[in-house]
Amino acid sequence: MILPVLLLGLALSPPVAAKVYLTTDEALALAFTGCQVQERTAYLTADQRQAAEQLAEVPVESSLVRQYVGTCDGRLAGTAYFDTHRVRTLPETLLVVVGPDGRVARIEVLSFSEPEEYLPPAGFFGQFVGRGLDEALSFKKASLRRVTGATMSCDATLAAARRTLALHRVLAATP
């Protein structure tokens, strides 16, 4: 008798909501303080999408890419991308900023739907800054370190960084 009541209680409980840390506007303001931001939309061809997947070594789920280009005093400050992906069973959204040098300039968590104890601390994201799309952008080479208890979140962040850098490179090669 207890089991049916328990199951009914679970069925009636509200779904877990994502914890929102930053809005899109707040994240862009952090990334490009005092700069102008222009949104651009790109539509990848099948060849571009395949090239991005090969470079990233992770799937690229959509052919639609939104870029947010920041300029300060007429100079490129960087290009921001929002990457929403599944961590374990629930989504997370990250802002990944690519600097003018083609390397990660910043990563911010906008929302995280998994239990909060699976979210790596802020210092984890800092180790991506200055990284380019190469073999060192990996946990295998010990150049990046995972956080115990947040392995899937760490892997999802690495995939987002690699995907973003690959998309950025492919789009930069487009005339």
Foldseek 3Di string as FASTA:
>chain_A
DVVVVVVVVVVPDDDQDKDFDADPVRVVCVQAPQWDKDKDKFFADPVLQVQLCVLLVHHDPHRIFIWIWTDDPNHTQWIWGWDWDDQDHDIWIKIWTQGPVLFTQFIDTGIDRDPPQLADDPVLRVLRHPDHRDPLLDVVVVSHDDDPNNNSVSVVVSSVRSSVSSSVVSVVPDD
